[in-house]
Amino acid sequence: MTDAALFYELAAPSLGHDFLDDIQHAIDTVLERPELGAPVAHGFRRVLVRRFPYSLIYAVEVGHIVVVAVAHQRRRPGFWKGRL
């Protein structure tokens, strides 16, 4: 996530900040509606980030949300499965 934010910031001023804002928006959305994300594997879900080609991969646990990855939708698909 940090590398992606730096990449976007180098591409255009404040774009990295916009990326992080969109990640935070995805997290806030998941906190409000945990079941919103599409199931992807082994009880994990995915919600898309608004303006960027990234997904937030997370699990719904009792009383909290566990974010496993902020994953690019086309690069290294499924890399996060090793974190399960």
PDB file of N, CA and C in Angstrom:
ATOM      1  N   MET A   1       0.824  -1.176   0.000  1.00  0.00           N
ATOM      2  CA  MET A   1       0.000   0.000   0.000  1.00  0.00           C
ATOM      3  C   MET A   1       0.877   1.252   0.000  1.00  0.00           C
ATOM      4  N   THR A   2       1.912   1.249   0.819  1.00  0.00           N
ATOM      5  CA  THR A   2       2.805   2.401   0.879  1.00  0.00           C
ATOM      6  C   THR A   2       3.523   2.597  -0.449  1.00  0.00           C
ATOM      7  N   ASP A   3       4.010   1.512  -1.045  1.00  0.00           N
ATOM      8  CA  ASP A   3       4.681   1.613  -2.340  1.00  0.00           C
ATOM      9  C   ASP A   3       3.743   2.164  -3.408  1.00  0.00           C
ATOM     10  N   ALA A   4       2.511   1.707  -3.390  1.00  0.00           N
ATOM     11  CA  ALA A   4       1.530   2.199  -4.365  1.00  0.00           C
ATOM     12  C   ALA A   4       1.263   3.687  -4.150  1.00  0.00           C
ATOM     13  N   ALA A   5       1.140   4.108  -2.903  1.00  0.00           N
ATOM     14  CA  ALA A   5       0.904   5.529  -2.616  1.00  0.00           C
ATOM     15  C   ALA A   5       2.080   6.378  -3.096  1.00  0.00           C
ATOM     16  N   LEU A   6       3.300   5.898  -2.888  1.00  0.00           N
ATOM     17  CA  LEU A   6       4.480   6.631  -3.356  1.00  0.00           C
ATOM     18  C   LEU A   6       4.513   6.689  -4.886  1.00  0.00           C
ATOM     19  N   PHE A   7       4.173   5.583  -5.531  1.00  0.00           N
ATOM     20  CA  PHE A   7       4.112   5.546  -6.990  1.00  0.00           C
ATOM     21  C   PHE A   7       3.132   6.597  -7.520  1.00  0.00           C
ATOM     22  N   TYR A   8       1.937   6.623  -6.941  1.00  0.00           N
ATOM     23  CA  TYR A   8       0.928   7.583  -7.395  1.00  0.00           C
ATOM     24  C   TYR A   8       1.333   9.015  -7.083  1.00  0.00           C
ATOM     25  N   GLU A   9       1.994   9.213  -5.970  1.00  0.00           N
ATOM     26  CA  GLU A   9       2.424  10.566  -5.607  1.00  0.00           C
ATOM     27  C   GLU A   9       3.476  11.089  -6.581  1.00  0.00           C
ATOM     28  N   LEU A  10       4.346  10.199  -7.043  1.00  0.00           N
ATOM     29  CA  LEU A  10       5.350  10.595  -8.040  1.00  0.00           C
ATOM     30  C   LEU A  10       4.706  10.864  -9.395  1.00  0.00           C
ATOM     31  N   ALA A  11       3.613  10.185  -9.670  1.00  0.00           N
ATOM     32  CA  ALA A  11       2.921  10.370 -10.951  1.00  0.00           C
ATOM     33  C   ALA A  11       2.218  11.717 -11.019  1.00  0.00           C
ATOM     34  N   ALA A  12       1.651  12.140  -9.904  1.00  0.00           N
ATOM     35  CA  ALA A  12       0.932  13.425  -9.868  1.00  0.00           C
ATOM     36  C   ALA A  12       0.813  13.885  -8.416  1.00  0.00           C
ATOM     37  N   PRO A  13       1.066  15.148  -8.174  1.00  0.00           N
ATOM     38  CA  PRO A  13       0.950  15.664  -6.805  1.00  0.00           C
ATOM     39  C   PRO A  13      -0.435  15.382  -6.221  1.00  0.00           C
ATOM     40  N   SER A  14      -0.447  14.916  -5.011  1.00  0.00           N
ATOM     41  CA  SER A  14      -1.629  14.585  -4.202  1.00  0.00           C
ATOM     42  C   SER A  14      -2.352  13.315  -4.631  1.00  0.00           C
ATOM     43  N   LEU A  15      -1.912  12.660  -5.712  1.00  0.00           N
ATOM     44  CA  LEU A  15      -2.567  11.415  -6.121  1.00  0.00           C
ATOM     45  C   LEU A  15      -2.303  10.297  -5.112  1.00  0.00           C
ATOM     46  N   GLY A  16      -1.126  10.278  -4.521  1.00  0.00           N
ATOM     47  CA  GLY A  16      -0.830   9.297  -3.472  1.00  0.00           C
ATOM     48  C   GLY A  16      -1.744   9.491  -2.275  1.00  0.00           C
ATOM     49  N   HIS A  17      -1.989  10.737  -1.925  1.00  0.00           N
ATOM     50  CA  HIS A  17      -2.911  11.053  -0.829  1.00  0.00           C
ATOM     51  C   HIS A  17      -4.330  10.597  -1.184  1.00  0.00           C
ATOM     52  N   ASP A  18      -4.725  10.825  -2.425  1.00  0.00           N
ATOM     53  CA  ASP A  18      -6.049  10.376  -2.883  1.00  0.00           C
ATOM     54  C   ASP A  18      -6.172   8.857  -2.790  1.00  0.00           C
ATOM     55  N   PHE A  19      -5.100   8.152  -3.152  1.00  0.00           N
ATOM     56  CA  PHE A  19      -5.086   6.693  -3.053  1.00  0.00           C
ATOM     57  C   PHE A  19      -5.315   6.252  -1.611  1.00  0.00           C
ATOM     58  N   LEU A  20      -4.564   6.840  -0.687  1.00  0.00           N
ATOM     59  CA  LEU A  20      -4.720   6.476   0.726  1.00  0.00           C
ATOM     60  C   LEU A  20      -6.106   6.835   1.250  1.00  0.00           C
ATOM     61  N   ASP A  21      -6.658   7.954   0.795  1.00  0.00           N
ATOM     62  CA  ASP A  21      -8.025   8.319   1.175  1.00  0.00           C
ATOM     63  C   ASP A  21      -9.024   7.264   0.692  1.00  0.00           C
ATOM     64  N   ASP A  22      -8.821   6.770  -0.525  1.00  0.00           N
ATOM     65  CA  ASP A  22      -9.729   5.753  -1.056  1.00  0.00           C
ATOM     66  C   ASP A  22      -9.581   4.428  -0.317  1.00  0.00           C
ATOM     67  N   ILE A  23      -8.368   4.094   0.094  1.00  0.00           N
ATOM     68  CA  ILE A  23      -8.166   2.891   0.918  1.00  0.00           C
ATOM     69  C   ILE A  23      -8.905   3.060   2.240  1.00  0.00           C
ATOM     70  N   GLN A  24      -8.768   4.228   2.861  1.00  0.00           N
ATOM     71  CA  GLN A  24      -9.468   4.480   4.123  1.00  0.00           C
ATOM     72  C   GLN A  24     -10.981   4.409   3.936  1.00  0.00           C
ATOM     73  N   HIS A  25     -11.466   4.926   2.820  1.00  0.00           N
ATOM     74  CA  HIS A  25     -12.904   4.852   2.538  1.00  0.00           C
ATOM     75  C   HIS A  25     -13.351   3.391   2.433  1.00  0.00           C
ATOM     76  N   ALA A  26     -12.558   2.554   1.789  1.00  0.00           N
ATOM     77  CA  ALA A  26     -12.888   1.133   1.681  1.00  0.00           C
ATOM     78  C   ALA A  26     -12.917   0.487   3.061  1.00  0.00           C
ATOM     79  N   ILE A  27     -11.961   0.828   3.902  1.00  0.00           N
ATOM     80  CA  ILE A  27     -11.927   0.283   5.264  1.00  0.00           C
ATOM     81  C   ILE A  27     -13.147   0.744   6.048  1.00  0.00           C
ATOM     82  N   ASP A  28     -13.473   2.022   5.966  1.00  0.00           N
ATOM     83  CA  ASP A  28     -14.641   2.547   6.671  1.00  0.00           C
ATOM     84  C   ASP A  28     -15.921   1.867   6.201  1.00  0.00           C
ATOM     85  N   THR A  29     -16.019   1.628   4.896  1.00  0.00           N
ATOM     86  CA  THR A  29     -17.191   0.954   4.337  1.00  0.00           C
ATOM     87  C   THR A  29     -17.309  -0.467   4.892  1.00  0.00           C
ATOM     88  N   VAL A  30     -16.192  -1.166   4.950  1.00  0.00           N
ATOM     89  CA  VAL A  30     -16.192  -2.537   5.479  1.00  0.00           C
ATOM     90  C   VAL A  30     -16.549  -2.545   6.961  1.00  0.00           C
ATOM     91  N   LEU A  31     -16.067  -1.563   7.697  1.00  0.00           N
ATOM     92  CA  LEU A  31     -16.408  -1.491   9.121  1.00  0.00           C
ATOM     93  C   LEU A  31     -17.903  -1.275   9.323  1.00  0.00           C
ATOM     94  N   GLU A  32     -18.513  -0.493   8.447  1.00  0.00           N
ATOM     95  CA  GLU A  32     -19.949  -0.231   8.548  1.00  0.00           C
ATOM     96  C   GLU A  32     -20.790  -1.418   8.064  1.00  0.00           C
ATOM     97  N   ARG A  33     -20.317  -2.078   7.011  1.00  0.00           N
ATOM     98  CA  ARG A  33     -21.071  -3.174   6.394  1.00  0.00           C
ATOM     99  C   ARG A  33     -20.128  -4.330   6.066  1.00  0.00           C
ATOM    100  N   PRO A  34     -19.726  -5.109   7.070  1.00  0.00           N
ATOM    101  CA  PRO A  34     -18.714  -6.154   6.877  1.00  0.00           C
ATOM    102  C   PRO A  34     -19.067  -7.204   5.821  1.00  0.00           C
ATOM    103  N   GLU A  35     -20.333  -7.480   5.635  1.00  0.00           N
ATOM    104  CA  GLU A  35     -20.729  -8.521   4.689  1.00  0.00           C
ATOM    105  C   GLU A  35     -20.827  -8.008   3.252  1.00  0.00           C
ATOM    106  N   LEU A  36     -20.487  -6.753   3.027  1.00  0.00           N
ATOM    107  CA  LEU A  36     -20.600  -6.140   1.708  1.00  0.00           C
ATOM    108  C   LEU A  36     -19.684  -6.782   0.673  1.00  0.00           C
ATOM    109  N   GLY A  37     -18.467  -7.090   1.047  1.00  0.00           N
ATOM    110  CA  GLY A  37     -17.479  -7.610   0.108  1.00  0.00           C
ATOM    111  C   GLY A  37     -17.844  -8.970  -0.460  1.00  0.00           C
ATOM    112  N   ALA A  38     -17.382  -9.219  -1.671  1.00  0.00           N
ATOM    113  CA  ALA A  38     -17.622 -10.506  -2.339  1.00  0.00           C
ATOM    114  C   ALA A  38     -16.703 -11.569  -1.739  1.00  0.00           C
ATOM    115  N   PRO A  39     -17.243 -12.752  -1.454  1.00  0.00           N
ATOM    116  CA  PRO A  39     -16.393 -13.843  -0.954  1.00  0.00           C
ATOM    117  C   PRO A  39     -15.320 -14.206  -1.987  1.00  0.00           C
ATOM    118  N   VAL A  40     -14.081 -14.420  -1.518  1.00  0.00           N
ATOM    119  CA  VAL A  40     -13.004 -14.788  -2.441  1.00  0.00           C
ATOM    120  C   VAL A  40     -12.352 -16.116  -2.100  1.00  0.00           C
ATOM    121  N   ALA A  41     -12.162 -16.431  -0.826  1.00  0.00           N
ATOM    122  CA  ALA A  41     -11.524 -17.705  -0.458  1.00  0.00           C
ATOM    123  C   ALA A  41     -11.518 -17.869   1.046  1.00  0.00           C
ATOM    124  N   HIS A  42     -11.793 -19.076   1.497  1.00  0.00           N
ATOM    125  CA  HIS A  42     -11.613 -19.456   2.907  1.00  0.00           C
ATOM    126  C   HIS A  42     -12.174 -18.452   3.904  1.00  0.00           C
ATOM    127  N   GLY A  43     -13.341 -17.906   3.651  1.00  0.00           N
ATOM    128  CA  GLY A  43     -13.950 -16.955   4.567  1.00  0.00           C
ATOM    129  C   GLY A  43     -13.464 -15.522   4.400  1.00  0.00           C
ATOM    130  N   PHE A  44     -12.678 -15.271   3.384  1.00  0.00           N
ATOM    131  CA  PHE A  44     -12.201 -13.919   3.129  1.00  0.00           C
ATOM    132  C   PHE A  44     -13.066 -13.238   2.084  1.00  0.00           C
ATOM    133  N   ARG A  45     -13.082 -11.923   2.152  1.00  0.00           N
ATOM    134  CA  ARG A  45     -13.914 -11.123   1.257  1.00  0.00           C
ATOM    135  C   ARG A  45     -13.065 -10.056   0.581  1.00  0.00           C
ATOM    136  N   ARG A  46     -13.622  -9.508  -0.500  1.00  0.00           N
ATOM    137  CA  ARG A  46     -12.922  -8.471  -1.260  1.00  0.00           C
ATOM    138  C   ARG A  46     -13.879  -7.334  -1.551  1.00  0.00           C
ATOM    139  N   VAL A  47     -13.399  -6.122  -1.321  1.00  0.00           N
ATOM    140  CA  VAL A  47     -14.138  -4.923  -1.704  1.00  0.00           C
ATOM    141  C   VAL A  47     -13.210  -4.087  -2.585  1.00  0.00           C
ATOM    142  N   LEU A  48     -13.760  -3.519  -3.633  1.00  0.00           N
ATOM    143  CA  LEU A  48     -12.958  -2.733  -4.568  1.00  0.00           C
ATOM    144  C   LEU A  48     -12.719  -1.322  -4.038  1.00  0.00           C
ATOM    145  N   VAL A  49     -11.551  -0.796  -4.345  1.00  0.00           N
ATOM    146  CA  VAL A  49     -11.221   0.584  -4.022  1.00  0.00           C
ATOM    147  C   VAL A  49     -11.808   1.453  -5.135  1.00  0.00           C
ATOM    148  N   ARG A  50     -12.352   2.590  -4.785  1.00  0.00           N
ATOM    149  CA  ARG A  50     -13.134   3.412  -5.716  1.00  0.00           C
ATOM    150  C   ARG A  50     -12.427   3.771  -7.015  1.00  0.00           C
ATOM    151  N   ARG A  51     -11.360   4.515  -6.979  1.00  0.00           N
ATOM    152  CA  ARG A  51     -10.771   5.081  -8.200  1.00  0.00           C
ATOM    153  C   ARG A  51      -9.519   4.364  -8.678  1.00  0.00           C
ATOM    154  N   PHE A  52      -9.059   3.397  -7.948  1.00  0.00           N
ATOM    155  CA  PHE A  52      -7.781   2.764  -8.254  1.00  0.00           C
ATOM    156  C   PHE A  52      -7.982   1.265  -8.449  1.00  0.00           C
ATOM    157  N   PRO A  53      -7.094   0.611  -9.212  1.00  0.00           N
ATOM    158  CA  PRO A  53      -7.271  -0.820  -9.494  1.00  0.00           C
ATOM    159  C   PRO A  53      -6.781  -1.710  -8.347  1.00  0.00           C
ATOM    160  N   TYR A  54      -7.310  -1.474  -7.170  1.00  0.00           N
ATOM    161  CA  TYR A  54      -6.927  -2.220  -5.975  1.00  0.00           C
ATOM    162  C   TYR A  54      -8.159  -2.760  -5.277  1.00  0.00           C
ATOM    163  N   SER A  55      -7.932  -3.836  -4.535  1.00  0.00           N
ATOM    164  CA  SER A  55      -8.976  -4.435  -3.706  1.00  0.00           C
ATOM    165  C   SER A  55      -8.480  -4.524  -2.276  1.00  0.00           C
ATOM    166  N   LEU A  56      -9.398  -4.430  -1.351  1.00  0.00           N
ATOM    167  CA  LEU A  56      -9.110  -4.652   0.058  1.00  0.00           C
ATOM    168  C   LEU A  56      -9.566  -6.074   0.366  1.00  0.00           C
ATOM    169  N   ILE A  57      -8.641  -6.928   0.803  1.00  0.00           N
ATOM    170  CA  ILE A  57      -8.951  -8.317   1.147  1.00  0.00           C
ATOM    171  C   ILE A  57      -9.028  -8.387   2.668  1.00  0.00           C
ATOM    172  N   TYR A  58     -10.130  -8.932   3.179  1.00  0.00           N
ATOM    173  CA  TYR A  58     -10.335  -8.930   4.627  1.00  0.00           C
ATOM    174  C   TYR A  58     -11.164 -10.130   5.073  1.00  0.00           C
ATOM    175  N   ALA A  59     -11.140 -10.363   6.370  1.00  0.00           N
ATOM    176  CA  ALA A  59     -11.966 -11.392   6.992  1.00  0.00           C
ATOM    177  C   ALA A  59     -12.795 -10.743   8.083  1.00  0.00           C
ATOM    178  N   VAL A  60     -13.983 -11.251   8.267  1.00  0.00           N
ATOM    179  CA  VAL A  60     -14.858 -10.781   9.341  1.00  0.00           C
ATOM    180  C   VAL A  60     -14.660 -11.736  10.517  1.00  0.00           C
ATOM    181  N   GLU A  61     -14.116 -11.208  11.596  1.00  0.00           N
ATOM    182  CA  GLU A  61     -13.916 -11.973  12.825  1.00  0.00           C
ATOM    183  C   GLU A  61     -14.895 -11.460  13.868  1.00  0.00           C
ATOM    184  N   VAL A  62     -15.055 -12.193  14.930  1.00  0.00           N
ATOM    185  CA  VAL A  62     -15.958 -11.783  15.986  1.00  0.00           C
ATOM    186  C   VAL A  62     -15.455 -10.465  16.585  1.00  0.00           C
ATOM    187  N   GLY A  63     -16.221  -9.407  16.390  1.00  0.00           N
ATOM    188  CA  GLY A  63     -15.896  -8.116  16.976  1.00  0.00           C
ATOM    189  C   GLY A  63     -14.900  -7.263  16.214  1.00  0.00           C
ATOM    190  N   HIS A  64     -14.347  -7.773  15.097  1.00  0.00           N
ATOM    191  CA  HIS A  64     -13.397  -6.944  14.349  1.00  0.00           C
ATOM    192  C   HIS A  64     -13.211  -7.454  12.920  1.00  0.00           C
ATOM    193  N   ILE A  65     -12.513  -6.643  12.148  1.00  0.00           N
ATOM    194  CA  ILE A  65     -12.194  -6.942  10.763  1.00  0.00           C
ATOM    195  C   ILE A  65     -10.685  -7.134  10.669  1.00  0.00           C
ATOM    196  N   VAL A  66     -10.252  -8.167   9.957  1.00  0.00           N
ATOM    197  CA  VAL A  66      -8.825  -8.410   9.743  1.00  0.00           C
ATOM    198  C   VAL A  66      -8.520  -8.135   8.273  1.00  0.00           C
ATOM    199  N   VAL A  67      -7.732  -7.098   8.014  1.00  0.00           N
ATOM    200  CA  VAL A  67      -7.322  -6.784   6.644  1.00  0.00           C
ATOM    201  C   VAL A  67      -6.068  -7.591   6.340  1.00  0.00           C
ATOM    202  N   VAL A  68      -6.139  -8.396   5.289  1.00  0.00           N
ATOM    203  CA  VAL A  68      -5.031  -9.259   4.909  1.00  0.00           C
ATOM    204  C   VAL A  68      -4.155  -8.603   3.852  1.00  0.00           C
ATOM    205  N   ALA A  69      -4.777  -7.848   2.944  1.00  0.00           N
ATOM    206  CA  ALA A  69      -3.990  -7.252   1.864  1.00  0.00           C
ATOM    207  C   ALA A  69      -4.730  -6.088   1.221  1.00  0.00           C
ATOM    208  N   VAL A  70      -3.942  -5.187   0.672  1.00  0.00           N
ATOM    209  CA  VAL A  70      -4.407  -4.203  -0.290  1.00  0.00           C
ATOM    210  C   VAL A  70      -3.764  -4.672  -1.587  1.00  0.00           C
ATOM    211  N   ALA A  71      -4.561  -5.314  -2.440  1.00  0.00           N
ATOM    212  CA  ALA A  71      -4.028  -6.035  -3.590  1.00  0.00           C
ATOM    213  C   ALA A  71      -4.379  -5.356  -4.910  1.00  0.00           C
ATOM    214  N   HIS A  72      -3.372  -5.217  -5.767  1.00  0.00           N
ATOM    215  CA  HIS A  72      -3.615  -4.729  -7.121  1.00  0.00           C
ATOM    216  C   HIS A  72      -4.455  -5.780  -7.835  1.00  0.00           C
ATOM    217  N   GLN A  73      -5.414  -5.362  -8.609  1.00  0.00           N
ATOM    218  CA  GLN A  73      -6.348  -6.296  -9.222  1.00  0.00           C
ATOM    219  C   GLN A  73      -5.745  -7.091 -10.377  1.00  0.00           C
ATOM    220  N   ARG A  74      -4.620  -6.643 -10.929  1.00  0.00           N
ATOM    221  CA  ARG A  74      -4.042  -7.340 -12.074  1.00  0.00           C
ATOM    222  C   ARG A  74      -2.633  -7.876 -11.833  1.00  0.00           C
ATOM    223  N   ARG A  75      -1.912  -7.308 -10.904  1.00  0.00           N
ATOM    224  CA  ARG A  75      -0.534  -7.735 -10.635  1.00  0.00           C
ATOM    225  C   ARG A  75      -0.509  -8.778  -9.533  1.00  0.00           C
ATOM    226  N   ARG A  76       0.221  -9.832  -9.773  1.00  0.00           N
ATOM    227  CA  ARG A  76       0.417 -10.891  -8.775  1.00  0.00           C
ATOM    228  C   ARG A  76      -0.903 -11.323  -8.144  1.00  0.00           C
ATOM    229  N   PRO A  77      -1.861 -11.763  -8.949  1.00  0.00           N
ATOM    230  CA  PRO A  77      -3.152 -12.170  -8.383  1.00  0.00           C
ATOM    231  C   PRO A  77      -2.973 -13.306  -7.372  1.00  0.00           C
ATOM    232  N   GLY A  78      -3.667 -13.176  -6.283  1.00  0.00           N
ATOM    233  CA  GLY A  78      -3.647 -14.221  -5.259  1.00  0.00           C
ATOM    234  C   GLY A  78      -2.416 -14.255  -4.378  1.00  0.00           C
ATOM    235  N   PHE A  79      -1.497 -13.274  -4.498  1.00  0.00           N
ATOM    236  CA  PHE A  79      -0.287 -13.290  -3.661  1.00  0.00           C
ATOM    237  C   PHE A  79      -0.639 -13.328  -2.178  1.00  0.00           C
ATOM    238  N   TRP A  80      -1.746 -12.747  -1.844  1.00  0.00           N
ATOM    239  CA  TRP A  80      -2.150 -12.624  -0.439  1.00  0.00           C
ATOM    240  C   TRP A  80      -2.571 -13.974   0.160  1.00  0.00           C
ATOM    241  N   LYS A  81      -2.849 -14.971  -0.678  1.00  0.00           N
ATOM    242  CA  LYS A  81      -3.285 -16.274  -0.146  1.00  0.00           C
ATOM    243  C   LYS A  81      -2.215 -16.928   0.722  1.00  0.00           C
ATOM    244  N   GLY A  82      -0.965 -16.570   0.505  1.00  0.00           N
ATOM    245  CA  GLY A  82       0.103 -17.073   1.355  1.00  0.00           C
ATOM    246  C   GLY A  82       0.064 -16.501   2.756  1.00  0.00           C
ATOM    247  N   ARG A  83      -0.722 -15.480   2.974  1.00  0.00           N
ATOM    248  CA  ARG A  83      -0.842 -14.849   4.294  1.00  0.00           C
ATOM    249  C   ARG A  83      -1.925 -15.491   5.155  1.00  0.00           C
ATOM    250  N   LEU A  84      -2.682 -16.409   4.586  1.00  0.00           N
ATOM    251  CA  LEU A  84      -3.801 -16.990   5.321  1.00  0.00           C
ATOM    252  C   LEU A  84      -3.339 -17.934   6.402  1.00  0.00           C
TER     253      LEU A  84
END
